[in-house]
Each structure stands twice: as structure tokens, then as C-alpha cells.
N, C-alpha and C. Protein backbone atom coordinates (compact mmCIF):
# COMPACT_ATOMS: atom_id res chain seq x y z
N MET A 1 50.82 -20.21 -102.57
CA MET A 1 49.66 -20.88 -102.25
C MET A 1 50.29 -22.61 -101.43
N ALA A 2 49.85 -22.43 -99.97
CA ALA A 2 50.39 -23.84 -99.35
C ALA A 2 49.99 -24.69 -99.13
N GLU A 3 50.82 -25.82 -99.26
CA GLU A 3 49.92 -26.88 -99.15
C GLU A 3 50.71 -27.71 -97.72
N HIS A 4 49.12 -28.22 -97.67
CA HIS A 4 49.41 -29.25 -96.20
C HIS A 4 49.01 -31.02 -96.04
N HIS A 5 50.31 -31.59 -95.81
CA HIS A 5 49.82 -33.33 -95.57
C HIS A 5 50.29 -33.23 -94.89
N PHE A 6 49.16 -33.99 -94.27
CA PHE A 6 48.35 -34.84 -92.93
C PHE A 6 48.69 -36.54 -93.32
N HIS A 7 48.82 -36.94 -92.41
CA HIS A 7 49.53 -38.62 -93.10
C HIS A 7 48.88 -39.22 -91.60
N LEU A 8 48.30 -40.48 -92.65
CA LEU A 8 47.36 -41.73 -91.22
C LEU A 8 48.08 -42.47 -91.92
N LYS A 9 48.45 -44.12 -90.86
CA LYS A 9 48.95 -44.43 -90.72
C LYS A 9 47.31 -46.04 -90.71
N ALA A 10 47.14 -46.57 -90.95
CA ALA A 10 46.26 -47.84 -90.56
C ALA A 10 46.73 -49.16 -91.07
N ASP A 11 46.00 -49.93 -89.55
CA ASP A 11 46.28 -51.31 -89.62
C ASP A 11 45.11 -52.38 -89.43
N TRP A 12 45.00 -52.96 -90.65
CA TRP A 12 43.60 -53.87 -90.58
C TRP A 12 43.71 -55.77 -90.73
N PRO A 13 43.78 -56.15 -89.29
CA PRO A 13 44.62 -57.64 -89.13
C PRO A 13 44.15 -58.27 -89.85
N GLY A 14 42.73 -58.36 -89.50
CA GLY A 14 41.53 -59.54 -89.99
C GLY A 14 40.73 -58.91 -91.10
N LEU A 15 39.32 -59.83 -91.29
CA LEU A 15 38.71 -59.47 -92.15
C LEU A 15 37.51 -58.75 -91.58
N ARG A 16 36.51 -58.80 -92.44
CA ARG A 16 35.36 -57.43 -91.68
C ARG A 16 35.24 -57.05 -90.81
N ASN A 17 34.43 -58.23 -89.92
CA ASN A 17 34.26 -57.85 -88.63
C ASN A 17 35.49 -57.37 -87.57
N ASP A 18 36.74 -57.36 -88.04
CA ASP A 18 37.39 -57.38 -86.76
C ASP A 18 38.22 -55.85 -86.61
N VAL A 19 39.39 -55.72 -85.79
CA VAL A 19 39.18 -54.29 -85.06
C VAL A 19 40.80 -54.09 -85.55
N GLY A 20 40.80 -52.93 -86.15
CA GLY A 20 41.51 -52.12 -86.88
C GLY A 20 42.42 -51.76 -86.02
N ARG A 21 43.40 -50.24 -86.15
CA ARG A 21 44.18 -48.79 -85.50
C ARG A 21 44.76 -47.90 -86.73
N ILE A 22 43.83 -46.70 -86.56
CA ILE A 22 44.41 -45.78 -86.93
C ILE A 22 45.78 -45.44 -86.45
N GLU A 23 46.89 -44.24 -87.10
CA GLU A 23 47.58 -43.41 -85.99
C GLU A 23 47.77 -42.18 -87.10
N MET A 24 47.24 -41.33 -86.68
CA MET A 24 48.08 -39.58 -87.09
C MET A 24 48.56 -38.81 -85.72
N LEU A 25 49.29 -37.89 -86.59
CA LEU A 25 50.10 -37.00 -85.37
C LEU A 25 49.48 -36.87 -84.44
N ASN A 26 47.55 -36.71 -83.83
CA ASN A 26 47.16 -36.60 -82.79
C ASN A 26 45.89 -37.15 -82.34
N LEU A 27 45.80 -38.22 -83.44
CA LEU A 27 44.81 -39.17 -83.08
C LEU A 27 45.27 -40.90 -83.07
N LYS A 28 45.41 -41.37 -82.74
CA LYS A 28 45.61 -43.09 -82.37
C LYS A 28 44.29 -43.67 -81.98
N THR A 29 43.33 -44.77 -82.36
CA THR A 29 42.60 -45.18 -81.74
C THR A 29 42.12 -46.51 -82.65
N GLU A 30 41.39 -47.31 -82.53
CA GLU A 30 41.02 -48.27 -83.04
C GLU A 30 39.79 -48.30 -83.57
N VAL A 31 39.66 -49.29 -85.13
CA VAL A 31 38.51 -48.68 -85.64
C VAL A 31 37.97 -49.93 -85.58
N SER A 32 36.31 -49.63 -86.12
CA SER A 32 35.84 -51.19 -86.06
C SER A 32 34.31 -50.78 -86.82
N ILE A 33 33.96 -51.87 -87.53
CA ILE A 33 32.20 -51.34 -88.59
C ILE A 33 31.80 -51.46 -86.58
N PRO A 34 30.23 -50.78 -86.91
CA PRO A 34 29.28 -49.89 -86.01
C PRO A 34 28.72 -51.07 -85.49
N THR A 35 27.97 -51.49 -84.58
CA THR A 35 27.23 -52.71 -84.32
C THR A 35 25.86 -52.40 -85.22
N GLU A 36 25.68 -51.26 -85.91
CA GLU A 36 24.36 -50.48 -86.40
C GLU A 36 24.60 -51.87 -87.46
N MET A 37 25.69 -51.33 -87.93
CA MET A 37 25.72 -52.13 -89.36
C MET A 37 26.13 -53.20 -89.32
N GLU A 38 25.87 -54.37 -88.03
CA GLU A 38 26.68 -56.04 -88.13
C GLU A 38 28.02 -55.82 -87.66
N GLY A 39 28.32 -54.67 -87.10
CA GLY A 39 30.21 -55.26 -86.69
C GLY A 39 30.34 -55.45 -85.51
N PRO A 40 31.62 -55.01 -84.74
CA PRO A 40 31.54 -55.56 -83.71
C PRO A 40 31.64 -54.03 -82.65
N GLY A 41 31.12 -53.21 -83.04
CA GLY A 41 31.82 -51.90 -82.68
C GLY A 41 32.55 -51.23 -81.78
N VAL A 42 34.04 -51.30 -81.84
CA VAL A 42 35.02 -51.39 -81.33
C VAL A 42 35.33 -49.63 -81.45
N GLY A 43 35.59 -48.89 -80.40
CA GLY A 43 36.18 -48.25 -81.16
C GLY A 43 35.82 -47.31 -81.79
N THR A 44 36.31 -46.22 -83.01
CA THR A 44 35.53 -45.75 -83.81
C THR A 44 34.89 -46.30 -85.26
N ASN A 45 34.12 -45.38 -85.93
CA ASN A 45 34.16 -45.77 -87.53
C ASN A 45 34.37 -44.95 -88.35
N PRO A 46 34.24 -44.90 -89.70
CA PRO A 46 34.31 -44.24 -90.34
C PRO A 46 33.38 -43.02 -90.39
N ASP A 47 31.74 -43.52 -90.59
CA ASP A 47 30.89 -42.42 -89.90
C ASP A 47 30.58 -41.55 -88.70
N GLU A 48 31.37 -41.86 -87.97
CA GLU A 48 31.74 -41.11 -86.85
C GLU A 48 33.11 -40.23 -87.13
N MET A 49 33.75 -40.88 -87.59
CA MET A 49 34.78 -39.61 -88.15
C MET A 49 34.53 -37.90 -88.97
N LEU A 50 33.72 -38.76 -89.60
CA LEU A 50 33.18 -37.53 -91.07
C LEU A 50 32.20 -37.01 -90.74
N LEU A 51 31.48 -37.76 -89.04
CA LEU A 51 30.82 -36.19 -88.54
C LEU A 51 31.36 -35.68 -87.94
N GLY A 52 32.72 -35.93 -87.50
CA GLY A 52 33.68 -35.01 -86.24
C GLY A 52 34.27 -34.42 -87.44
N ALA A 53 34.47 -35.13 -88.11
CA ALA A 53 35.96 -33.61 -88.84
C ALA A 53 34.68 -32.81 -89.46
N ALA A 54 33.24 -32.81 -90.02
CA ALA A 54 32.02 -31.65 -90.56
C ALA A 54 32.07 -31.12 -89.21
N ALA A 55 31.61 -31.44 -88.04
CA ALA A 55 30.99 -30.91 -87.42
C ALA A 55 32.29 -29.99 -86.27
N THR A 56 33.72 -30.30 -86.26
CA THR A 56 34.66 -29.65 -85.79
C THR A 56 35.27 -28.97 -86.89
N CYS A 57 35.24 -28.68 -88.43
CA CYS A 57 35.73 -27.94 -89.11
C CYS A 57 34.06 -26.73 -88.80
N TYR A 58 32.84 -26.78 -88.37
CA TYR A 58 32.09 -26.44 -88.81
C TYR A 58 32.22 -25.06 -87.38
N ILE A 59 32.44 -25.94 -86.49
CA ILE A 59 32.45 -24.71 -85.28
C ILE A 59 33.61 -24.42 -85.06
N ILE A 60 34.83 -24.46 -85.67
CA ILE A 60 36.09 -23.60 -85.33
C ILE A 60 35.73 -23.01 -86.82
N THR A 61 35.07 -23.16 -87.42
CA THR A 61 34.96 -21.92 -89.10
C THR A 61 34.28 -20.81 -88.15
N LEU A 62 32.67 -21.56 -87.97
CA LEU A 62 31.98 -20.14 -87.35
C LEU A 62 32.16 -19.28 -85.86
N ALA A 63 33.51 -19.93 -85.23
CA ALA A 63 34.51 -19.24 -84.35
C ALA A 63 35.08 -18.72 -84.49
N ALA A 64 35.86 -18.51 -85.27
CA ALA A 64 36.61 -17.72 -86.34
C ALA A 64 35.43 -16.60 -86.73
N MET A 65 34.49 -16.49 -88.04
CA MET A 65 33.88 -15.76 -88.04
C MET A 65 32.99 -14.42 -87.29
N LEU A 66 32.77 -14.82 -86.50
CA LEU A 66 32.38 -14.54 -85.06
C LEU A 66 33.06 -13.64 -84.76
N GLU A 67 34.28 -14.69 -84.27
CA GLU A 67 35.29 -13.10 -83.96
C GLU A 67 36.21 -12.15 -84.77
N ARG A 68 36.51 -12.40 -85.88
CA ARG A 68 36.17 -11.52 -86.85
C ARG A 68 35.41 -10.52 -87.17
N SER A 69 34.14 -10.60 -86.54
CA SER A 69 32.58 -9.60 -86.86
C SER A 69 32.39 -9.26 -85.67
N GLY A 70 33.30 -9.27 -84.91
CA GLY A 70 33.24 -8.53 -83.76
C GLY A 70 32.52 -9.16 -83.24
N VAL A 71 31.58 -10.28 -83.03
CA VAL A 71 30.62 -10.88 -81.96
C VAL A 71 30.96 -11.30 -80.53
N GLU A 72 30.67 -10.52 -79.63
CA GLU A 72 30.91 -11.58 -78.20
C GLU A 72 30.46 -12.14 -77.50
N LYS A 73 30.49 -14.07 -77.63
CA LYS A 73 29.49 -14.93 -76.91
C LYS A 73 29.98 -15.35 -75.02
N VAL A 74 28.93 -15.45 -74.81
CA VAL A 74 29.72 -16.65 -73.31
C VAL A 74 29.84 -17.97 -74.08
N SER A 75 28.86 -18.21 -74.65
CA SER A 75 29.42 -19.85 -75.30
C SER A 75 29.31 -20.16 -76.47
N LEU A 76 29.34 -20.94 -77.55
CA LEU A 76 29.40 -21.92 -78.76
C LEU A 76 29.61 -22.85 -78.22
N THR A 77 28.18 -23.97 -78.80
CA THR A 77 28.29 -25.24 -78.16
C THR A 77 27.31 -25.98 -79.26
N MET A 78 27.54 -27.29 -79.36
CA MET A 78 26.67 -27.57 -81.02
C MET A 78 26.79 -29.00 -80.73
N GLU A 79 25.47 -29.79 -81.06
CA GLU A 79 25.54 -30.93 -81.36
C GLU A 79 24.88 -31.61 -83.01
N SER A 80 25.90 -32.25 -83.72
CA SER A 80 25.16 -32.57 -85.07
C SER A 80 24.88 -34.26 -84.96
N ILE A 81 23.80 -33.90 -85.98
CA ILE A 81 23.96 -35.45 -86.02
C ILE A 81 24.20 -36.18 -87.47
N GLY A 82 24.77 -37.60 -87.73
CA GLY A 82 25.13 -37.38 -88.84
C GLY A 82 23.65 -39.20 -89.69
N VAL A 83 23.26 -38.66 -91.10
CA VAL A 83 22.09 -39.67 -90.96
C VAL A 83 22.66 -41.08 -92.26
N VAL A 84 23.24 -41.63 -91.92
CA VAL A 84 23.55 -43.30 -93.07
C VAL A 84 22.39 -43.63 -93.13
N ASP A 85 21.91 -44.52 -94.50
CA ASP A 85 21.00 -45.50 -94.71
C ASP A 85 21.38 -46.26 -94.96
N TYR A 86 21.79 -47.59 -94.42
CA TYR A 86 22.14 -49.17 -94.53
C TYR A 86 21.23 -50.23 -94.82
N THR A 87 21.03 -50.49 -95.59
CA THR A 87 20.00 -50.85 -97.06
C THR A 87 20.54 -52.02 -97.29
N ASN A 88 20.29 -52.76 -97.35
CA ASN A 88 20.58 -54.47 -98.18
C ASN A 88 22.58 -53.84 -98.42
N GLY A 89 22.59 -53.81 -97.33
CA GLY A 89 24.43 -53.82 -97.19
C GLY A 89 25.21 -52.78 -98.01
N ILE A 90 24.11 -51.67 -98.68
CA ILE A 90 24.61 -50.45 -99.45
C ILE A 90 24.85 -49.51 -98.04
N VAL A 91 25.89 -48.80 -98.15
CA VAL A 91 25.52 -47.41 -96.97
C VAL A 91 25.72 -46.53 -97.61
N THR A 92 24.42 -45.84 -96.97
CA THR A 92 25.19 -44.11 -98.05
C THR A 92 24.93 -43.04 -97.07
N TYR A 93 25.59 -42.44 -96.72
CA TYR A 93 26.10 -41.24 -95.67
C TYR A 93 24.79 -40.23 -96.72
N LYS A 94 23.82 -40.10 -95.87
CA LYS A 94 23.17 -39.25 -96.62
C LYS A 94 22.43 -37.76 -95.77
N LYS A 95 23.19 -37.38 -94.83
CA LYS A 95 23.04 -35.84 -94.12
C LYS A 95 24.04 -35.65 -92.79
N ILE A 96 24.06 -34.71 -92.60
CA ILE A 96 24.44 -34.78 -91.63
C ILE A 96 23.64 -33.27 -91.44
N ILE A 97 23.55 -32.55 -89.77
CA ILE A 97 22.70 -31.68 -89.03
C ILE A 97 23.33 -31.00 -88.06
N HIS A 98 23.72 -29.77 -88.43
CA HIS A 98 24.82 -28.96 -87.66
C HIS A 98 23.79 -28.55 -86.72
N LYS A 99 23.45 -28.43 -85.02
CA LYS A 99 22.78 -27.86 -83.78
C LYS A 99 23.64 -26.60 -83.46
N PRO A 100 24.29 -25.42 -83.72
CA PRO A 100 24.62 -24.73 -82.79
C PRO A 100 24.10 -24.31 -81.87
N GLU A 101 24.64 -23.87 -80.52
CA GLU A 101 23.96 -23.20 -79.61
C GLU A 101 24.39 -21.88 -79.11
N ILE A 102 24.51 -20.50 -79.85
CA ILE A 102 24.79 -19.81 -78.93
C ILE A 102 24.32 -18.61 -78.37
N ILE A 103 24.99 -17.94 -76.84
CA ILE A 103 24.74 -17.33 -75.62
C ILE A 103 25.49 -16.15 -76.05
N LEU A 104 24.89 -15.22 -76.64
CA LEU A 104 25.83 -13.85 -77.27
C LEU A 104 25.89 -13.08 -75.36
N ALA A 105 27.18 -12.39 -75.75
CA ALA A 105 27.46 -11.57 -74.61
C ALA A 105 26.31 -10.35 -74.15
N GLU A 106 26.27 -10.07 -72.67
CA GLU A 106 25.60 -8.90 -72.98
C GLU A 106 25.83 -7.78 -73.99
N GLY A 107 24.97 -6.75 -74.64
CA GLY A 107 25.20 -5.78 -75.67
C GLY A 107 24.74 -6.36 -76.48
N MET A 108 24.92 -7.77 -77.09
CA MET A 108 25.29 -8.11 -78.34
C MET A 108 23.60 -8.50 -79.13
N ALA A 109 22.88 -8.13 -78.61
CA ALA A 109 22.13 -8.48 -79.34
C ALA A 109 21.76 -7.79 -80.69
N GLU A 110 22.17 -6.45 -80.71
CA GLU A 110 21.86 -5.76 -82.06
C GLU A 110 22.67 -6.47 -83.19
N LYS A 111 23.43 -7.90 -83.28
CA LYS A 111 24.57 -8.29 -84.07
C LYS A 111 23.94 -9.56 -83.71
N ARG A 112 22.53 -10.21 -83.39
CA ARG A 112 21.56 -10.78 -83.66
C ARG A 112 21.76 -10.94 -85.15
N ASN A 113 21.36 -10.50 -86.15
CA ASN A 113 21.27 -10.17 -87.52
C ASN A 113 22.05 -11.26 -88.13
N ILE A 114 23.49 -10.36 -87.96
CA ILE A 114 24.48 -11.08 -88.49
C ILE A 114 25.13 -12.18 -87.73
N VAL A 115 24.77 -12.71 -86.82
CA VAL A 115 25.09 -14.19 -85.91
C VAL A 115 24.23 -14.83 -87.20
N GLU A 116 22.94 -15.16 -86.92
CA GLU A 116 22.38 -16.11 -87.70
C GLU A 116 22.90 -15.95 -89.20
N ARG A 117 23.30 -15.06 -90.09
CA ARG A 117 24.03 -14.63 -91.11
C ARG A 117 25.04 -15.96 -90.92
N LEU A 118 26.02 -15.43 -90.24
CA LEU A 118 27.79 -15.98 -90.33
C LEU A 118 27.21 -18.34 -89.79
N THR A 119 26.06 -18.21 -88.88
CA THR A 119 25.69 -19.65 -89.08
C THR A 119 25.65 -19.84 -90.07
N LEU A 120 25.00 -19.53 -91.42
CA LEU A 120 24.60 -20.56 -92.50
C LEU A 120 26.20 -20.62 -93.01
N LYS A 121 26.95 -19.11 -93.08
CA LYS A 121 27.71 -18.75 -94.04
C LYS A 121 29.02 -19.72 -93.65
N ALA A 122 29.21 -20.14 -92.46
CA ALA A 122 30.41 -21.24 -92.01
C ALA A 122 29.71 -22.49 -92.22
N GLU A 123 28.94 -23.15 -92.70
CA GLU A 123 28.91 -24.05 -93.82
C GLU A 123 28.99 -24.07 -94.83
N THR A 124 28.89 -23.18 -95.60
CA THR A 124 29.43 -23.40 -97.06
C THR A 124 30.84 -23.11 -97.33
N SER A 125 31.50 -22.16 -95.57
CA SER A 125 32.91 -21.84 -96.28
C SER A 125 33.68 -22.78 -95.36
N CYS A 126 33.55 -24.03 -94.75
CA CYS A 126 34.21 -24.92 -94.11
C CYS A 126 34.40 -26.01 -95.35
N MET A 127 35.64 -26.21 -95.55
CA MET A 127 35.94 -26.99 -95.96
C MET A 127 35.65 -28.52 -96.46
N ILE A 128 35.41 -29.02 -95.48
CA ILE A 128 34.75 -30.42 -95.95
C ILE A 128 33.75 -30.29 -95.79
N SER A 129 32.85 -29.39 -94.90
CA SER A 129 31.51 -29.69 -96.16
C SER A 129 32.13 -28.89 -97.42
N ARG A 130 32.53 -28.08 -97.90
CA ARG A 130 32.78 -28.41 -99.67
C ARG A 130 33.01 -29.78 -100.13
N ALA A 131 33.88 -30.00 -99.22
CA ALA A 131 34.61 -31.31 -99.90
C ALA A 131 33.18 -32.09 -100.15
N LEU A 132 32.47 -32.37 -99.11
CA LEU A 132 31.37 -33.36 -99.15
C LEU A 132 30.30 -32.95 -99.94
N GLN A 133 30.10 -31.82 -100.20
CA GLN A 133 28.69 -30.76 -101.16
C GLN A 133 29.02 -31.58 -102.55
N GLY A 134 27.82 -32.17 -103.00
CA GLY A 134 27.24 -32.78 -104.18
C GLY A 134 26.69 -34.42 -103.39
N ASN A 135 27.13 -34.52 -102.17
CA ASN A 135 27.48 -35.87 -101.95
C ASN A 135 26.75 -36.14 -100.55
N VAL A 136 26.73 -35.29 -99.84
CA VAL A 136 26.16 -35.43 -98.07
C VAL A 136 25.38 -33.62 -97.94
N GLU A 137 23.84 -34.50 -97.84
CA GLU A 137 23.29 -32.72 -97.42
C GLU A 137 23.71 -32.13 -96.45
N VAL A 138 24.02 -31.33 -96.24
CA VAL A 138 24.38 -30.48 -94.49
C VAL A 138 23.81 -29.23 -94.45
N THR A 139 23.00 -29.34 -93.24
CA THR A 139 21.80 -28.56 -92.51
C THR A 139 22.02 -27.85 -91.66
N VAL A 140 22.06 -26.40 -91.50
CA VAL A 140 22.36 -25.69 -89.95
C VAL A 140 21.15 -25.44 -89.03
N GLU A 141 20.90 -26.10 -87.73
CA GLU A 141 19.56 -25.36 -87.70
C GLU A 141 20.03 -24.22 -85.94
N PRO A 142 20.28 -23.26 -86.07
CA PRO A 142 21.13 -22.53 -84.96
C PRO A 142 19.97 -22.20 -84.25
N SER A 143 20.24 -21.76 -82.46
CA SER A 143 20.02 -21.46 -81.67
C SER A 143 20.31 -20.46 -81.29
N ILE A 144 20.54 -18.86 -81.16
CA ILE A 144 20.80 -17.64 -80.78
C ILE A 144 20.33 -17.53 -79.61
N LYS A 145 20.63 -17.47 -78.78
CA LYS A 145 19.92 -16.56 -77.12
C LYS A 145 21.11 -15.17 -76.55
């Protein structure tokens, strides 16, 4: 078993509506509460970062599964949507919807069923989706061409 450790340093100089900074090996950015939640909207925010983590984990997992299955593609792109409920000051991350679009290479049409299965399997195989399981609904709406 191999354990990997990721380290984050955070600095929050003020109160709720201030702007802080986070820093990791490959990520350095300002953070604040988004304007939709009555914050300053500077830099990124936890809602965007959770969506980014879920989306990048999913698309990397899907790409690896396609490669292992011998599926050749012209492109793999995706839009992901995070649905956050903010009612009476209570924030609930309700749902993430991944919408991958896969354009298969010539001669790959016979692998379409495999690709459809892999788009769903990637969501349950991604470590971020597994970490969210039971707390945030994650769905996949693939488009395969």
C-alpha cells in the first residue's frame, strides 16, 4: 500500500468577506466567498474547487479506461455543473452533473457500447466521486459521436 500526502497552506487575514490565499505545490490562488453567497467573489471558492476536483478526477479516470480498453478517440471534452443550494445561510452541495463529449476515431463505432459503459463506470471508479458518495449526487450525461 502506498500513501500519498498532499499539503495545503492557507492564510485568511480577516473576517467572513475577506480574501484569503491557498498554496499547494501546483496551485496558488486567492479564495473568497462567491458573490452568489454574498461574498466578494475574488479568486476561486470551495464550491468551484470541489467541482474542479470531481471533474478532473472523472475525466482522467475516463481517459485511462478508454485507453486500457483500446478505444481511440479524436477528442474528449466535458462540461460539469455543480448545483449548490444556499437557503437561509445554509449551504448544501446537492449535485454534480458531468457531461462528457467523446468523438470516436474512425473505425471505433463498434466500441460505442463499451464507451457508454465506461462513461458510467468512470464516475464510480474516481476517488473523488467515491469520497462524495452518500453526500453529493453525481450523475453522467454522455454524448458519444
